[in-house]
PDB file of all heavy atoms in Angstrom:
ATOM      1  N   GLY A   1     -59.397  49.984  35.359  1.00  0.00           N
ATOM      2  CA  GLY A   1     -59.004  50.513  36.656  1.00  0.00           C
ATOM      3  C   GLY A   1     -58.900  49.400  37.678  1.00  0.00           C
ATOM      4  O   GLY A   1     -59.583  48.380  37.583  1.00  0.00           O
ATOM      5  N   VAL A   2     -58.024  49.604  38.661  1.00  0.00           N
ATOM      6  CA  VAL A   2     -57.870  48.660  39.773  1.00  0.00           C
ATOM      7  C   VAL A   2     -58.039  49.441  41.065  1.00  0.00           C
ATOM      8  O   VAL A   2     -57.493  50.539  41.214  1.00  0.00           O
ATOM      9  CB  VAL A   2     -56.504  47.952  39.736  1.00  0.00           C
ATOM     10  CG1 VAL A   2     -56.244  47.196  41.032  1.00  0.00           C
ATOM     11  CG2 VAL A   2     -56.423  47.008  38.542  1.00  0.00           C
ATOM     12  N   PHE A   3     -58.785  48.867  41.998  1.00  0.00           N
ATOM     13  CA  PHE A   3     -59.049  49.509  43.279  1.00  0.00           C
ATOM     14  C   PHE A   3     -58.588  48.598  44.403  1.00  0.00           C
ATOM     15  O   PHE A   3     -59.045  47.458  44.506  1.00  0.00           O
ATOM     16  CB  PHE A   3     -60.537  49.816  43.422  1.00  0.00           C
ATOM     17  CG  PHE A   3     -60.879  50.648  44.622  1.00  0.00           C
ATOM     18  CD1 PHE A   3     -60.888  52.028  44.548  1.00  0.00           C
ATOM     19  CD2 PHE A   3     -61.193  50.048  45.841  1.00  0.00           C
ATOM     20  CE1 PHE A   3     -61.189  52.797  45.648  1.00  0.00           C
ATOM     21  CE2 PHE A   3     -61.495  50.812  46.952  1.00  0.00           C
ATOM     22  CZ  PHE A   3     -61.507  52.191  46.853  1.00  0.00           C
ATOM     23  N   LEU A   4     -57.667  49.103  45.251  1.00  0.00           N
ATOM     24  CA  LEU A   4     -57.165  48.352  46.399  1.00  0.00           C
ATOM     25  C   LEU A   4     -57.862  48.866  47.652  1.00  0.00           C
ATOM     26  O   LEU A   4     -57.833  50.068  47.941  1.00  0.00           O
ATOM     27  CB  LEU A   4     -55.651  48.504  46.543  1.00  0.00           C
ATOM     28  CG  LEU A   4     -54.785  47.843  45.467  1.00  0.00           C
ATOM     29  CD1 LEU A   4     -54.608  48.768  44.271  1.00  0.00           C
ATOM     30  CD2 LEU A   4     -53.417  47.473  46.020  1.00  0.00           C
ATOM     31  N   THR A   5     -58.485  47.964  48.402  1.00  0.00           N
ATOM     32  CA  THR A   5     -59.271  48.368  49.558  1.00  0.00           C
ATOM     33  C   THR A   5     -58.381  48.624  50.776  1.00  0.00           C
ATOM     34  O   THR A   5     -57.181  48.373  50.767  1.00  0.00           O
ATOM     35  CB  THR A   5     -60.306  47.297  49.923  1.00  0.00           C
ATOM     36  OG1 THR A   5     -59.640  46.179  50.536  1.00  0.00           O
ATOM     37  CG2 THR A   5     -61.065  46.826  48.691  1.00  0.00           C
ATOM     38  N   GLY A   6     -59.031  49.073  51.851  1.00  0.00           N
ATOM     39  CA  GLY A   6     -58.334  49.299  53.105  1.00  0.00           C
ATOM     40  C   GLY A   6     -58.171  48.022  53.911  1.00  0.00           C
ATOM     41  O   GLY A   6     -58.648  46.949  53.536  1.00  0.00           O
ATOM     42  N   GLY A   7     -57.498  48.172  55.045  1.00  0.00           N
ATOM     43  CA  GLY A   7     -57.220  47.039  55.919  1.00  0.00           C
ATOM     44  C   GLY A   7     -55.845  47.179  56.531  1.00  0.00           C
ATOM     45  O   GLY A   7     -55.546  48.148  57.213  1.00  0.00           O
ATOM     46  N   ASN A   8     -54.968  46.250  56.232  1.00  0.00           N
ATOM     47  CA  ASN A   8     -53.594  46.230  56.745  1.00  0.00           C
ATOM     48  C   ASN A   8     -52.648  46.206  55.554  1.00  0.00           C
ATOM     49  O   ASN A   8     -52.619  45.242  54.789  1.00  0.00           O
ATOM     50  CB  ASN A   8     -53.390  44.990  57.626  1.00  0.00           C
ATOM     51  CG  ASN A   8     -51.993  44.898  58.226  1.00  0.00           C
ATOM     52  OD1 ASN A   8     -51.071  45.580  57.796  1.00  0.00           O
ATOM     53  ND2 ASN A   8     -51.839  44.057  59.224  1.00  0.00           N
ATOM     54  N   GLN A   9     -51.855  47.284  55.405  1.00  0.00           N
ATOM     55  CA  GLN A   9     -50.982  47.374  54.235  1.00  0.00           C
ATOM     56  C   GLN A   9     -49.894  46.303  54.211  1.00  0.00           C
ATOM     57  O   GLN A   9     -49.391  45.942  53.140  1.00  0.00           O
ATOM     58  CB  GLN A   9     -50.347  48.762  54.106  1.00  0.00           C
ATOM     59  CG  GLN A   9     -49.696  49.324  55.342  1.00  0.00           C
ATOM     60  CD  GLN A   9     -50.628  50.261  56.083  1.00  0.00           C
ATOM     61  OE1 GLN A   9     -51.783  49.940  56.321  1.00  0.00           O
ATOM     62  NE2 GLN A   9     -50.122  51.435  56.440  1.00  0.00           N
ATOM     63  N   LEU A  10     -49.533  45.747  55.370  1.00  0.00           N
ATOM     64  CA  LEU A  10     -48.547  44.672  55.361  1.00  0.00           C
ATOM     65  C   LEU A  10     -49.113  43.396  54.744  1.00  0.00           C
ATOM     66  O   LEU A  10     -48.365  42.578  54.211  1.00  0.00           O
ATOM     67  CB  LEU A  10     -48.046  44.392  56.782  1.00  0.00           C
ATOM     68  CG  LEU A  10     -47.030  45.414  57.313  1.00  0.00           C
ATOM     69  CD1 LEU A  10     -46.703  45.134  58.767  1.00  0.00           C
ATOM     70  CD2 LEU A  10     -45.762  45.420  56.470  1.00  0.00           C
ATOM     71  N   ARG A  11     -50.428  43.211  54.791  1.00  0.00           N
ATOM     72  CA  ARG A  11     -51.028  42.082  54.077  1.00  0.00           C
ATOM     73  C   ARG A  11     -50.851  42.261  52.572  1.00  0.00           C
ATOM     74  O   ARG A  11     -50.655  41.282  51.836  1.00  0.00           O
ATOM     75  CB  ARG A  11     -52.508  41.958  54.430  1.00  0.00           C
ATOM     76  CG  ARG A  11     -52.761  41.227  55.742  1.00  0.00           C
ATOM     77  CD  ARG A  11     -54.241  41.075  56.037  1.00  0.00           C
ATOM     78  NE  ARG A  11     -54.972  40.441  54.954  1.00  0.00           N
ATOM     79  CZ  ARG A  11     -55.027  39.137  54.719  1.00  0.00           C
ATOM     80  NH1 ARG A  11     -54.366  38.307  55.523  1.00  0.00           N
ATOM     81  NH2 ARG A  11     -55.736  38.641  53.724  1.00  0.00           N
ATOM     82  N   LEU A  12     -50.916  43.491  52.090  1.00  0.00           N
ATOM     83  CA  LEU A  12     -50.681  43.750  50.675  1.00  0.00           C
ATOM     84  C   LEU A  12     -49.232  43.474  50.296  1.00  0.00           C
ATOM     85  O   LEU A  12     -48.957  42.795  49.309  1.00  0.00           O
ATOM     86  CB  LEU A  12     -51.048  45.196  50.343  1.00  0.00           C
ATOM     87  CG  LEU A  12     -52.540  45.499  50.224  1.00  0.00           C
ATOM     88  CD1 LEU A  12     -52.785  47.005  50.258  1.00  0.00           C
ATOM     89  CD2 LEU A  12     -53.112  44.907  48.942  1.00  0.00           C
ATOM     90  N   SER A  13     -48.291  44.013  51.066  1.00  0.00           N
ATOM     91  CA  SER A  13     -46.889  43.866  50.688  1.00  0.00           C
ATOM     92  C   SER A  13     -46.408  42.427  50.814  1.00  0.00           C
ATOM     93  O   SER A  13     -45.635  41.948  49.977  1.00  0.00           O
ATOM     94  CB  SER A  13     -46.010  44.798  51.536  1.00  0.00           C
ATOM     95  OG  SER A  13     -46.124  44.493  52.910  1.00  0.00           O
ATOM     96  N   THR A  14     -46.875  41.708  51.829  1.00  0.00           N
ATOM     97  CA  THR A  14     -46.391  40.338  52.019  1.00  0.00           C
ATOM     98  C   THR A  14     -47.113  39.331  51.128  1.00  0.00           C
ATOM     99  O   THR A  14     -46.559  38.272  50.808  1.00  0.00           O
ATOM    100  CB  THR A  14     -46.546  39.900  53.489  1.00  0.00           C
ATOM    101  OG1 THR A  14     -47.925  40.000  53.878  1.00  0.00           O
ATOM    102  CG2 THR A  14     -45.702  40.771  54.391  1.00  0.00           C
ATOM    103  N   THR A  15     -48.328  39.651  50.701  1.00  0.00           N
ATOM    104  CA  THR A  15     -49.080  38.731  49.843  1.00  0.00           C
ATOM    105  C   THR A  15     -48.829  38.993  48.367  1.00  0.00           C
ATOM    106  O   THR A  15     -48.665  38.057  47.572  1.00  0.00           O
ATOM    107  CB  THR A  15     -50.592  38.838  50.129  1.00  0.00           C
ATOM    108  OG1 THR A  15     -50.834  38.603  51.510  1.00  0.00           O
ATOM    109  CG2 THR A  15     -51.381  37.834  49.296  1.00  0.00           C
ATOM    110  N   ILE A  16     -48.776  40.271  47.971  1.00  0.00           N
ATOM    111  CA  ILE A  16     -48.688  40.628  46.552  1.00  0.00           C
ATOM    112  C   ILE A  16     -47.273  40.990  46.127  1.00  0.00           C
ATOM    113  O   ILE A  16     -46.895  40.784  44.965  1.00  0.00           O
ATOM    114  CB  ILE A  16     -49.666  41.786  46.256  1.00  0.00           C
ATOM    115  CG1 ILE A  16     -51.106  41.285  46.386  1.00  0.00           C
ATOM    116  CG2 ILE A  16     -49.430  42.384  44.880  1.00  0.00           C
ATOM    117  CD1 ILE A  16     -52.154  42.355  46.188  1.00  0.00           C
ATOM    118  N   GLY A  17     -46.477  41.538  47.039  1.00  0.00           N
ATOM    119  CA  GLY A  17     -45.120  41.967  46.673  1.00  0.00           C
ATOM    120  C   GLY A  17     -44.302  40.851  46.049  1.00  0.00           C
ATOM    121  O   GLY A  17     -44.298  39.721  46.539  1.00  0.00           O
ATOM    122  N   GLY A  18     -43.619  41.152  44.945  1.00  0.00           N
ATOM    123  CA  GLY A  18     -42.756  40.165  44.306  1.00  0.00           C
ATOM    124  C   GLY A  18     -43.480  39.081  43.545  1.00  0.00           C
ATOM    125  O   GLY A  18     -42.880  38.051  43.207  1.00  0.00           O
ATOM    126  N   THR A  19     -44.761  39.293  43.232  1.00  0.00           N
ATOM    127  CA  THR A  19     -45.551  38.294  42.501  1.00  0.00           C
ATOM    128  C   THR A  19     -45.920  38.825  41.112  1.00  0.00           C
ATOM    129  O   THR A  19     -45.754  40.010  40.831  1.00  0.00           O
ATOM    130  CB  THR A  19     -46.846  37.952  43.251  1.00  0.00           C
ATOM    131  OG1 THR A  19     -47.736  39.087  43.185  1.00  0.00           O
ATOM    132  CG2 THR A  19     -46.568  37.601  44.707  1.00  0.00           C
ATOM    133  N   PRO A  20     -46.470  37.971  40.243  1.00  0.00           N
ATOM    134  CA  PRO A  20     -46.934  38.452  38.942  1.00  0.00           C
ATOM    135  C   PRO A  20     -47.992  39.547  39.035  1.00  0.00           C
ATOM    136  O   PRO A  20     -48.101  40.377  38.129  1.00  0.00           O
ATOM    137  CB  PRO A  20     -47.493  37.185  38.284  1.00  0.00           C
ATOM    138  CG  PRO A  20     -46.726  36.072  38.905  1.00  0.00           C
ATOM    139  CD  PRO A  20     -46.508  36.494  40.322  1.00  0.00           C
ATOM    140  N   VAL A  21     -48.768  39.570  40.118  1.00  0.00           N
ATOM    141  CA  VAL A  21     -49.767  40.632  40.281  1.00  0.00           C
ATOM    142  C   VAL A  21     -49.089  41.986  40.410  1.00  0.00           C
ATOM    143  O   VAL A  21     -49.462  42.954  39.735  1.00  0.00           O
ATOM    144  CB  VAL A  21     -50.664  40.355  41.511  1.00  0.00           C
ATOM    145  CG1 VAL A  21     -51.549  41.547  41.799  1.00  0.00           C
ATOM    146  CG2 VAL A  21     -51.509  39.122  41.270  1.00  0.00           C
ATOM    147  N   ALA A  22     -48.077  42.094  41.270  1.00  0.00           N
ATOM    148  CA  ALA A  22     -47.366  43.356  41.442  1.00  0.00           C
ATOM    149  C   ALA A  22     -46.685  43.778  40.141  1.00  0.00           C
ATOM    150  O   ALA A  22     -46.742  44.949  39.746  1.00  0.00           O
ATOM    151  CB  ALA A  22     -46.339  43.235  42.568  1.00  0.00           C
ATOM    152  N   ASP A  23     -46.046  42.832  39.462  1.00  0.00           N
ATOM    153  CA  ASP A  23     -45.377  43.150  38.192  1.00  0.00           C
ATOM    154  C   ASP A  23     -46.383  43.659  37.163  1.00  0.00           C
ATOM    155  O   ASP A  23     -46.122  44.638  36.451  1.00  0.00           O
ATOM    156  CB  ASP A  23     -44.661  41.910  37.647  1.00  0.00           C
ATOM    157  CG  ASP A  23     -43.498  41.461  38.511  1.00  0.00           C
ATOM    158  OD1 ASP A  23     -43.006  42.278  39.314  1.00  0.00           O
ATOM    159  OD2 ASP A  23     -43.095  40.285  38.390  1.00  0.00           O
ATOM    160  N   LEU A  24     -47.529  43.004  37.100  1.00  0.00           N
ATOM    161  CA  LEU A  24     -48.533  43.378  36.112  1.00  0.00           C
ATOM    162  C   LEU A  24     -49.141  44.744  36.422  1.00  0.00           C
ATOM    163  O   LEU A  24     -49.389  45.539  35.508  1.00  0.00           O
ATOM    164  CB  LEU A  24     -49.619  42.306  36.056  1.00  0.00           C
ATOM    165  CG  LEU A  24     -50.690  42.459  34.974  1.00  0.00           C
ATOM    166  CD1 LEU A  24     -50.064  42.540  33.577  1.00  0.00           C
ATOM    167  CD2 LEU A  24     -51.678  41.291  35.040  1.00  0.00           C
ATOM    168  N   LEU A  25     -49.386  45.051  37.685  1.00  0.00           N
ATOM    169  CA  LEU A  25     -49.941  46.350  38.052  1.00  0.00           C
ATOM    170  C   LEU A  25     -48.985  47.476  37.675  1.00  0.00           C
ATOM    171  O   LEU A  25     -49.408  48.526  37.166  1.00  0.00           O
ATOM    172  CB  LEU A  25     -50.258  46.391  39.547  1.00  0.00           C
ATOM    173  CG  LEU A  25     -51.442  45.547  40.014  1.00  0.00           C
ATOM    174  CD1 LEU A  25     -51.572  45.613  41.525  1.00  0.00           C
ATOM    175  CD2 LEU A  25     -52.735  45.995  39.342  1.00  0.00           C
TER     176      LEU A  25
END
């Protein structure tokens, strides 16, 4: 399982979007 915490969703999209992490998830 993977758990994504709260905060600012734009930090998620701009940091993880388009990376191997996003592809793997």
